[in-house]
Amino acid sequence: MLDFDAAARGLRNLWSLTLGDGIAPRNDTEHTTVATGEHRTLRRYADDAEVLAAREAGRAPVLLIPPIAAPARCYDLSVDHSVVAHLRTQGRVPYVVDFGEIGYADRAMGFADFITDIIPEAIGRVLDDFGARQVDLYGWSLGGTLSLLTAAAAPEEDRRVRSIVTIATPLDYNALPGYPLARVLNRPTGGWAPTGVLRLLGGIPAPVVQVAYRATSWDREVRKPWFVATHLAESDKLARMEAIDRFQREFPGYPGRLAEQMWESFIYRDELSSGVLDFDGLTVDLSRIAVPVQLVGSHRDALCTWKAARHGIELLIGSPLVEFTTVESSHLGLLAGPDAVAHTWPTIDYFLRGVNALSDQTAAHV
């Protein structure tokens, strides 16, 4: 028997996806812009009353660090899969630093710009706005790497970071397909072949990043027409597909010097897996990190293998607590998807509650 309601929904959804404005509007959780600036816009996803309640409960603010070549929207992907909205329901006060668009004019930007300037400045602004002495850092993919590098590069007396969460963050590029072979093939050039191309382009342009990210989930792209056809009346499923498609279309590029340093330090010289990196004279030692760290990885992640994410257990030897949790999902699904809602988010909630308890014990003995 023909379901006329389902058929009507299917026709409406087909129109919305093809000629209309989409299945659902772009998600934009209510927020306050705390500070603006080039590559350093800071937003708070909580009101003043929630800030006061969190402060009185002894909860530190949470600063979410996006990857370089992914929009900060990753933390507010959709109504049902918004990291900032979830943290807010847990009584946390989430902040997001937005690096914005990156183009050829930013080709001189390297890791030092982010880990000794942009992110530390964001930390200071969060603490001033919230009225606290410490912040929890939270990073997905390369955002997790930036979080760790920022904490490791901070002066000894700078203890503003209370804990770090990394999701799908590769910490051993030897464990990523293709990179060991790329290193071997480039030894005759001393590693200069990729560097020369990156300097010529001024980085990795946004269109290249967008195509490359889609290529990692090529099976999804191939199946998409069939998915739409078989779920045409299921607005919720189509809305999630639409949110992911919008997100992928907004990927910015990598700045030139940072892309070169990723090749040189992460891949060719294999410094990241050893824990000691040299960024144009700035030495960063990850063993200096002395705060609790939560790592999350997956065997199903096409961009960050389980082994690459778990390497942090061996790397972060100065941390008093390093926990690793396996959540089987895709790269984005680990952060903002049904698997994240069911497994990743509760894991991080539990970790942050433990950090709160540890902080309370420390304060009681001071």
Foldseek 3Di string as FASTA:
>chain_A
DDDVLLVVLLVVQVCCVPPNVHLDDFFDQDWDFLDDDAQWTKIKRDDPVLLVQCVVVQAAAEEEFEAQFFFLCLQVLDPQFHVCVVCVVLSHIYMYTTGPADALVLQPDALCCQQVPRVVVNLVSSCVVSVDQAYEYEYAAVSQVSVLQNLQLDDPVRPRYAEYEYELYFQFCVPAPPQQVVLVVCVVVVLCPVLVVLVVRQFFASVNQLVVVCVLVVVCVVCVVVVCVVCSSPSVVRNSVVSVVVRSNPTHTGGRLHRVLCSVQVGNVVPSLQQWGQRPNRIGGSLPNAHAYEFEAACQESGHHPVRRVSVVVRNNNYPYYHYDYQHDYSSCCRTNPSVVVPVVVVVSVVSVVSSVVVVVVVVVD
